[in-house]
Structure formats: C-alpha cells, structure tokens
Amino acid sequence: MNYDKLEFEYFIEGEYVQNAPAFTGYNSGVMLHAQRDNSMTFNQRFPMSLEMQLLGNGGVIRNNFTGNLCTPAHRCI
C-alpha cells in the first residue's frame, strides 16, 4: 500500500481558448497514479489513472475539487 501526501495552492486564471469544449474551462488536475506507458495499447488515448480534478470558478478562488477515477475502455467494479 502506498501513502502519498500532496499539498499545494492553485489559481486558474485567463481566458477560454476559442472553440474549446465547455468542460475544459477553468478545469485542471493532477494525475496521482497511472498505468505504465509500456502497458498501454497503441490506440489508447489516456492511461488508466487516478486523478484529482481542480475546478475554478471564472477566476473566483474557492476550494472546489473532486476526485475522479479515469479508466478509458475499462470498467471498474
């Protein structure tokens, strides 16, 4: 079992990229654990990973974060 501690402050600022998908605005994240690159398939766009999502609110500072389990092309039971 691993034990990790990550502590930081963040601020998301600036303008949206023109024609970017709506979900990308004020959205960032930290990938905590991921599968090894040599185990990914050729057409796999993202590794199976555990990611902490960091959400901004149009330049307003707030503590709003959510944890996500990213499992492209896999089902988690």
PDB file of N, CA and C in Angstrom:
ATOM      1  N   MET A   1       0.845  -1.170   0.000  1.00  0.00           N
ATOM      2  CA  MET A   1       0.000   0.000   0.000  1.00  0.00           C
ATOM      3  C   MET A   1       0.894   1.239   0.000  1.00  0.00           C
ATOM      4  N   ASN A   2       0.509   2.205  -0.790  1.00  0.00           N
ATOM      5  CA  ASN A   2       1.244   3.470  -0.873  1.00  0.00           C
ATOM      6  C   ASN A   2       0.557   4.540  -0.042  1.00  0.00           C
ATOM      7  N   TYR A   3       1.335   5.450   0.447  1.00  0.00           N
ATOM      8  CA  TYR A   3       0.801   6.605   1.153  1.00  0.00           C
ATOM      9  C   TYR A   3       1.406   7.842   0.514  1.00  0.00           C
ATOM     10  N   ASP A   4       0.555   8.687  -0.016  1.00  0.00           N
ATOM     11  CA  ASP A   4       1.023   9.905  -0.672  1.00  0.00           C
ATOM     12  C   ASP A   4       0.355  11.105  -0.023  1.00  0.00           C
ATOM     13  N   LYS A   5       1.094  12.185   0.054  1.00  0.00           N
ATOM     14  CA  LYS A   5       0.536  13.442   0.539  1.00  0.00           C
ATOM     15  C   LYS A   5       0.957  14.531  -0.429  1.00  0.00           C
ATOM     16  N   LEU A   6      -0.013  15.249  -0.940  1.00  0.00           N
ATOM     17  CA  LEU A   6       0.237  16.313  -1.901  1.00  0.00           C
ATOM     18  C   LEU A   6      -0.470  17.561  -1.388  1.00  0.00           C
ATOM     19  N   GLU A   7       0.274  18.629  -1.243  1.00  0.00           N
ATOM     20  CA  GLU A   7      -0.309  19.871  -0.751  1.00  0.00           C
ATOM     21  C   GLU A   7       0.179  21.025  -1.614  1.00  0.00           C
ATOM     22  N   PHE A   8      -0.741  21.845  -2.093  1.00  0.00           N
ATOM     23  CA  PHE A   8      -0.380  22.996  -2.908  1.00  0.00           C
ATOM     24  C   PHE A   8      -1.552  23.955  -2.969  1.00  0.00           C
ATOM     25  N   GLU A   9      -1.296  25.140  -3.456  1.00  0.00           N
ATOM     26  CA  GLU A   9      -2.336  26.130  -3.722  1.00  0.00           C
ATOM     27  C   GLU A   9      -2.407  26.327  -5.223  1.00  0.00           C
ATOM     28  N   TYR A  10      -3.598  26.588  -5.718  1.00  0.00           N
ATOM     29  CA  TYR A  10      -3.729  26.811  -7.153  1.00  0.00           C
ATOM     30  C   TYR A  10      -4.708  27.939  -7.431  1.00  0.00           C
ATOM     31  N   PHE A  11      -4.515  28.553  -8.570  1.00  0.00           N
ATOM     32  CA  PHE A  11      -5.406  29.605  -9.040  1.00  0.00           C
ATOM     33  C   PHE A  11      -5.490  29.471 -10.545  1.00  0.00           C
ATOM     34  N   ILE A  12      -6.684  29.388 -11.059  1.00  0.00           N
ATOM     35  CA  ILE A  12      -6.889  29.251 -12.503  1.00  0.00           C
ATOM     36  C   ILE A  12      -7.354  30.603 -13.018  1.00  0.00           C
ATOM     37  N   GLU A  13      -6.613  31.157 -13.972  1.00  0.00           N
ATOM     38  CA  GLU A  13      -6.957  32.474 -14.490  1.00  0.00           C
ATOM     39  C   GLU A  13      -6.796  32.500 -16.002  1.00  0.00           C
ATOM     40  N   GLY A  14      -7.231  33.570 -16.599  1.00  0.00           N
ATOM     41  CA  GLY A  14      -7.073  33.734 -18.034  1.00  0.00           C
ATOM     42  C   GLY A  14      -8.384  33.515 -18.772  1.00  0.00           C
ATOM     43  N   GLU A  15      -8.285  33.529 -20.077  1.00  0.00           N
ATOM     44  CA  GLU A  15      -9.455  33.402 -20.939  1.00  0.00           C
ATOM     45  C   GLU A  15      -9.572  31.982 -21.471  1.00  0.00           C
ATOM     46  N   TYR A  16     -10.788  31.625 -21.844  1.00  0.00           N
ATOM     47  CA  TYR A  16     -11.015  30.340 -22.510  1.00  0.00           C
ATOM     48  C   TYR A  16     -10.311  30.328 -23.855  1.00  0.00           C
ATOM     49  N   VAL A  17      -9.886  29.178 -24.284  1.00  0.00           N
ATOM     50  CA  VAL A  17      -9.360  29.024 -25.636  1.00  0.00           C
ATOM     51  C   VAL A  17     -10.565  29.006 -26.571  1.00  0.00           C
ATOM     52  N   GLN A  18     -10.511  29.779 -27.633  1.00  0.00           N
ATOM     53  CA  GLN A  18     -11.630  29.881 -28.560  1.00  0.00           C
ATOM     54  C   GLN A  18     -11.988  28.512 -29.131  1.00  0.00           C
ATOM     55  N   ASN A  19     -13.274  28.182 -29.154  1.00  0.00           N
ATOM     56  CA  ASN A  19     -13.837  26.930 -29.674  1.00  0.00           C
ATOM     57  C   ASN A  19     -13.439  25.694 -28.873  1.00  0.00           C
ATOM     58  N   ALA A  20     -12.925  25.863 -27.672  1.00  0.00           N
ATOM     59  CA  ALA A  20     -12.595  24.710 -26.821  1.00  0.00           C
ATOM     60  C   ALA A  20     -13.884  24.132 -26.239  1.00  0.00           C
ATOM     61  N   PRO A  21     -13.925  22.823 -25.970  1.00  0.00           N
ATOM     62  CA  PRO A  21     -15.110  22.228 -25.339  1.00  0.00           C
ATOM     63  C   PRO A  21     -15.411  22.912 -24.005  1.00  0.00           C
ATOM     64  N   ALA A  22     -16.679  23.032 -23.669  1.00  0.00           N
ATOM     65  CA  ALA A  22     -17.096  23.755 -22.464  1.00  0.00           C
ATOM     66  C   ALA A  22     -16.484  23.173 -21.192  1.00  0.00           C
ATOM     67  N   PHE A  23     -16.293  21.843 -21.136  1.00  0.00           N
ATOM     68  CA  PHE A  23     -15.785  21.229 -19.908  1.00  0.00           C
ATOM     69  C   PHE A  23     -14.327  21.585 -19.616  1.00  0.00           C
ATOM     70  N   THR A  24     -13.631  22.172 -20.584  1.00  0.00           N
ATOM     71  CA  THR A  24     -12.212  22.483 -20.374  1.00  0.00           C
ATOM     72  C   THR A  24     -11.992  23.809 -19.665  1.00  0.00           C
ATOM     73  N   GLY A  25     -13.004  24.641 -19.588  1.00  0.00           N
ATOM     74  CA  GLY A  25     -12.840  25.949 -18.967  1.00  0.00           C
ATOM     75  C   GLY A  25     -12.621  25.853 -17.472  1.00  0.00           C
ATOM     76  N   TYR A  26     -11.590  26.496 -16.987  1.00  0.00           N
ATOM     77  CA  TYR A  26     -11.273  26.525 -15.560  1.00  0.00           C
ATOM     78  C   TYR A  26     -11.192  25.119 -14.980  1.00  0.00           C
ATOM     79  N   ASN A  27     -10.582  24.214 -15.706  1.00  0.00           N
ATOM     80  CA  ASN A  27     -10.502  22.817 -15.315  1.00  0.00           C
ATOM     81  C   ASN A  27      -9.055  22.356 -15.450  1.00  0.00           C
ATOM     82  N   SER A  28      -8.494  21.840 -14.384  1.00  0.00           N
ATOM     83  CA  SER A  28      -7.140  21.315 -14.410  1.00  0.00           C
ATOM     84  C   SER A  28      -7.099  20.092 -13.514  1.00  0.00           C
ATOM     85  N   GLY A  29      -5.937  19.489 -13.359  1.00  0.00           N
ATOM     86  CA  GLY A  29      -5.879  18.321 -12.494  1.00  0.00           C
ATOM     87  C   GLY A  29      -4.469  17.824 -12.265  1.00  0.00           C
ATOM     88  N   VAL A  30      -4.367  16.872 -11.353  1.00  0.00           N
ATOM     89  CA  VAL A  30      -3.103  16.236 -11.007  1.00  0.00           C
ATOM     90  C   VAL A  30      -3.299  14.728 -11.138  1.00  0.00           C
ATOM     91  N   MET A  31      -2.469  14.075 -11.956  1.00  0.00           N
ATOM     92  CA  MET A  31      -2.546  12.626 -12.097  1.00  0.00           C
ATOM     93  C   MET A  31      -1.689  12.007 -10.995  1.00  0.00           C
ATOM     94  N   LEU A  32      -2.323  11.286 -10.084  1.00  0.00           N
ATOM     95  CA  LEU A  32      -1.631  10.748  -8.916  1.00  0.00           C
ATOM     96  C   LEU A  32      -0.991   9.391  -9.188  1.00  0.00           C
ATOM     97  N   HIS A  33      -1.721   8.503  -9.808  1.00  0.00           N
ATOM     98  CA  HIS A  33      -1.212   7.173 -10.147  1.00  0.00           C
ATOM     99  C   HIS A  33      -1.696   6.843 -11.549  1.00  0.00           C
ATOM    100  N   ALA A  34      -0.871   6.180 -12.332  1.00  0.00           N
ATOM    101  CA  ALA A  34      -1.264   5.813 -13.695  1.00  0.00           C
ATOM    102  C   ALA A  34      -0.566   4.521 -14.099  1.00  0.00           C
ATOM    103  N   GLN A  35      -1.174   3.851 -15.081  1.00  0.00           N
ATOM    104  CA  GLN A  35      -0.558   2.624 -15.579  1.00  0.00           C
ATOM    105  C   GLN A  35       0.748   2.949 -16.290  1.00  0.00           C
ATOM    106  N   ARG A  36       1.613   1.982 -16.389  1.00  0.00           N
ATOM    107  CA  ARG A  36       2.897   2.169 -17.073  1.00  0.00           C
ATOM    108  C   ARG A  36       2.661   2.399 -18.565  1.00  0.00           C
ATOM    109  N   ASP A  37       3.459   3.263 -19.152  1.00  0.00           N
ATOM    110  CA  ASP A  37       3.277   3.583 -20.571  1.00  0.00           C
ATOM    111  C   ASP A  37       3.470   2.362 -21.462  1.00  0.00           C
ATOM    112  N   ASN A  38       4.335   1.437 -21.096  1.00  0.00           N
ATOM    113  CA  ASN A  38       4.565   0.268 -21.951  1.00  0.00           C
ATOM    114  C   ASN A  38       3.440  -0.756 -21.873  1.00  0.00           C
ATOM    115  N   SER A  39       2.446  -0.529 -21.004  1.00  0.00           N
ATOM    116  CA  SER A  39       1.293  -1.429 -20.946  1.00  0.00           C
ATOM    117  C   SER A  39       0.082  -0.864 -21.686  1.00  0.00           C
ATOM    118  N   MET A  40       0.207   0.355 -22.209  1.00  0.00           N
ATOM    119  CA  MET A  40      -0.905   0.967 -22.938  1.00  0.00           C
ATOM    120  C   MET A  40      -0.984   0.409 -24.350  1.00  0.00           C
ATOM    121  N   THR A  41      -2.207   0.324 -24.872  1.00  0.00           N
ATOM    122  CA  THR A  41      -2.381  -0.117 -26.248  1.00  0.00           C
ATOM    123  C   THR A  41      -2.064   1.034 -27.198  1.00  0.00           C
ATOM    124  N   PHE A  42      -1.819   0.717 -28.446  1.00  0.00           N
ATOM    125  CA  PHE A  42      -1.414   1.712 -29.434  1.00  0.00           C
ATOM    126  C   PHE A  42      -2.445   2.831 -29.584  1.00  0.00           C
ATOM    127  N   ASN A  43      -3.720   2.483 -29.605  1.00  0.00           N
ATOM    128  CA  ASN A  43      -4.774   3.479 -29.819  1.00  0.00           C
ATOM    129  C   ASN A  43      -5.377   4.011 -28.522  1.00  0.00           C
ATOM    130  N   GLN A  44      -4.805   3.684 -27.381  1.00  0.00           N
ATOM    131  CA  GLN A  44      -5.322   4.150 -26.099  1.00  0.00           C
ATOM    132  C   GLN A  44      -4.917   5.606 -25.901  1.00  0.00           C
ATOM    133  N   ARG A  45      -5.907   6.489 -25.785  1.00  0.00           N
ATOM    134  CA  ARG A  45      -5.622   7.923 -25.699  1.00  0.00           C
ATOM    135  C   ARG A  45      -5.105   8.363 -24.336  1.00  0.00           C
ATOM    136  N   PHE A  46      -5.576   7.736 -23.264  1.00  0.00           N
ATOM    137  CA  PHE A  46      -5.186   8.122 -21.915  1.00  0.00           C
ATOM    138  C   PHE A  46      -4.885   6.873 -21.097  1.00  0.00           C
ATOM    139  N   PRO A  47      -3.973   6.968 -20.139  1.00  0.00           N
ATOM    140  CA  PRO A  47      -3.705   5.812 -19.279  1.00  0.00           C
ATOM    141  C   PRO A  47      -4.820   5.634 -18.246  1.00  0.00           C
ATOM    142  N   MET A  48      -5.030   4.397 -17.785  1.00  0.00           N
ATOM    143  CA  MET A  48      -5.889   4.204 -16.624  1.00  0.00           C
ATOM    144  C   MET A  48      -5.197   4.929 -15.481  1.00  0.00           C
ATOM    145  N   SER A  49      -5.946   5.735 -14.765  1.00  0.00           N
ATOM    146  CA  SER A  49      -5.283   6.578 -13.777  1.00  0.00           C
ATOM    147  C   SER A  49      -6.239   7.037 -12.690  1.00  0.00           C
ATOM    148  N   LEU A  50      -5.658   7.511 -11.615  1.00  0.00           N
ATOM    149  CA  LEU A  50      -6.396   8.165 -10.549  1.00  0.00           C
ATOM    150  C   LEU A  50      -6.003   9.632 -10.604  1.00  0.00           C
ATOM    151  N   GLU A  51      -6.986  10.482 -10.770  1.00  0.00           N
ATOM    152  CA  GLU A  51      -6.722  11.903 -10.979  1.00  0.00           C
ATOM    153  C   GLU A  51      -7.525  12.727  -9.992  1.00  0.00           C
ATOM    154  N   MET A  52      -6.926  13.792  -9.480  1.00  0.00           N
ATOM    155  CA  MET A  52      -7.648  14.753  -8.663  1.00  0.00           C
ATOM    156  C   MET A  52      -7.941  15.953  -9.547  1.00  0.00           C
ATOM    157  N   GLN A  53      -9.217  16.232  -9.738  1.00  0.00           N
ATOM    158  CA  GLN A  53      -9.627  17.325 -10.609  1.00  0.00           C
ATOM    159  C   GLN A  53      -9.687  18.620  -9.809  1.00  0.00           C
ATOM    160  N   LEU A  54      -9.163  19.687 -10.390  1.00  0.00           N
ATOM    161  CA  LEU A  54      -9.160  21.010  -9.773  1.00  0.00           C
ATOM    162  C   LEU A  54     -10.037  21.924 -10.618  1.00  0.00           C
ATOM    163  N   LEU A  55     -11.085  22.444 -10.025  1.00  0.00           N
ATOM    164  CA  LEU A  55     -12.026  23.277 -10.765  1.00  0.00           C
ATOM    165  C   LEU A  55     -11.944  24.718 -10.296  1.00  0.00           C
ATOM    166  N   GLY A  56     -11.942  25.622 -11.251  1.00  0.00           N
ATOM    167  CA  GLY A  56     -12.002  27.042 -10.934  1.00  0.00           C
ATOM    168  C   GLY A  56     -13.420  27.542 -11.151  1.00  0.00           C
ATOM    169  N   ASN A  57     -13.649  28.795 -10.851  1.00  0.00           N
ATOM    170  CA  ASN A  57     -14.984  29.369 -10.989  1.00  0.00           C
ATOM    171  C   ASN A  57     -14.870  30.744 -11.618  1.00  0.00           C
ATOM    172  N   GLY A  58     -14.421  30.783 -12.861  1.00  0.00           N
ATOM    173  CA  GLY A  58     -14.335  32.050 -13.567  1.00  0.00           C
ATOM    174  C   GLY A  58     -13.417  33.057 -12.904  1.00  0.00           C
ATOM    175  N   GLY A  59     -12.316  32.587 -12.321  1.00  0.00           N
ATOM    176  CA  GLY A  59     -11.373  33.484 -11.676  1.00  0.00           C
ATOM    177  C   GLY A  59     -11.634  33.712 -10.201  1.00  0.00           C
ATOM    178  N   VAL A  60     -12.750  33.181  -9.674  1.00  0.00           N
ATOM    179  CA  VAL A  60     -13.061  33.319  -8.255  1.00  0.00           C
ATOM    180  C   VAL A  60     -12.372  32.181  -7.503  1.00  0.00           C
ATOM    181  N   ILE A  61     -11.628  32.510  -6.465  1.00  0.00           N
ATOM    182  CA  ILE A  61     -10.931  31.482  -5.690  1.00  0.00           C
ATOM    183  C   ILE A  61     -11.935  30.760  -4.794  1.00  0.00           C
ATOM    184  N   ARG A  62     -11.910  29.434  -4.831  1.00  0.00           N
ATOM    185  CA  ARG A  62     -12.745  28.642  -3.932  1.00  0.00           C
ATOM    186  C   ARG A  62     -12.136  27.254  -3.800  1.00  0.00           C
ATOM    187  N   ASN A  63     -12.443  26.586  -2.748  1.00  0.00           N
ATOM    188  CA  ASN A  63     -11.976  25.216  -2.549  1.00  0.00           C
ATOM    189  C   ASN A  63     -13.016  24.276  -3.138  1.00  0.00           C
ATOM    190  N   ASN A  64     -12.852  23.938  -4.383  1.00  0.00           N
ATOM    191  CA  ASN A  64     -13.805  23.077  -5.071  1.00  0.00           C
ATOM    192  C   ASN A  64     -13.016  22.055  -5.870  1.00  0.00           C
ATOM    193  N   PHE A  65     -12.891  20.859  -5.367  1.00  0.00           N
ATOM    194  CA  PHE A  65     -12.166  19.828  -6.094  1.00  0.00           C
ATOM    195  C   PHE A  65     -12.907  18.507  -5.967  1.00  0.00           C
ATOM    196  N   THR A  66     -12.730  17.679  -6.959  1.00  0.00           N
ATOM    197  CA  THR A  66     -13.376  16.376  -6.975  1.00  0.00           C
ATOM    198  C   THR A  66     -12.367  15.337  -7.399  1.00  0.00           C
ATOM    199  N   GLY A  67     -12.494  14.129  -6.902  1.00  0.00           N
ATOM    200  CA  GLY A  67     -11.625  13.028  -7.310  1.00  0.00           C
ATOM    201  C   GLY A  67     -12.281  12.228  -8.413  1.00  0.00           C
ATOM    202  N   ASN A  68     -11.510  11.839  -9.381  1.00  0.00           N
ATOM    203  CA  ASN A  68     -12.028  11.060 -10.499  1.00  0.00           C
ATOM    204  C   ASN A  68     -11.159   9.839 -10.722  1.00  0.00           C
ATOM    205  N   LEU A  69     -11.784   8.721 -11.042  1.00  0.00           N
ATOM    206  CA  LEU A  69     -11.064   7.534 -11.461  1.00  0.00           C
ATOM    207  C   LEU A  69     -11.218   7.444 -12.966  1.00  0.00           C
ATOM    208  N   CYS A  70     -10.137   7.603 -13.707  1.00  0.00           N
ATOM    209  CA  CYS A  70     -10.171   7.579 -15.165  1.00  0.00           C
ATOM    210  C   CYS A  70      -9.808   6.178 -15.636  1.00  0.00           C
ATOM    211  N   THR A  71     -10.705   5.526 -16.322  1.00  0.00           N
ATOM    212  CA  THR A  71     -10.455   4.157 -16.791  1.00  0.00           C
ATOM    213  C   THR A  71     -10.896   4.018 -18.244  1.00  0.00           C
ATOM    214  N   PRO A  72     -10.192   4.632 -19.191  1.00  0.00           N
ATOM    215  CA  PRO A  72     -10.584   4.544 -20.594  1.00  0.00           C
ATOM    216  C   PRO A  72     -10.665   3.095 -21.076  1.00  0.00           C
ATOM    217  N   ALA A  73     -11.770   2.764 -21.699  1.00  0.00           N
ATOM    218  CA  ALA A  73     -12.009   1.445 -22.301  1.00  0.00           C
ATOM    219  C   ALA A  73     -12.026   0.314 -21.279  1.00  0.00           C
ATOM    220  N   HIS A  74     -12.198   0.630 -20.004  1.00  0.00           N
ATOM    221  CA  HIS A  74     -12.262  -0.391 -18.965  1.00  0.00           C
ATOM    222  C   HIS A  74     -13.432  -0.100 -18.041  1.00  0.00           C
ATOM    223  N   ARG A  75     -13.920  -1.132 -17.408  1.00  0.00           N
ATOM    224  CA  ARG A  75     -14.999  -0.990 -16.451  1.00  0.00           C
ATOM    225  C   ARG A  75     -14.457  -1.243 -15.051  1.00  0.00           C
ATOM    226  N   CYS A  76     -14.828  -0.430 -14.107  1.00  0.00           N
ATOM    227  CA  CYS A  76     -14.374  -0.580 -12.731  1.00  0.00           C
ATOM    228  C   CYS A  76     -15.539  -1.099 -11.898  1.00  0.00           C
ATOM    229  N   ILE A  77     -15.319  -2.207 -11.217  1.00  0.00           N
ATOM    230  CA  ILE A  77     -16.405  -2.822 -10.435  1.00  0.00           C
ATOM    231  C   ILE A  77     -16.111  -2.674  -8.957  1.00  0.00           C
TER     232      ILE A  77
END
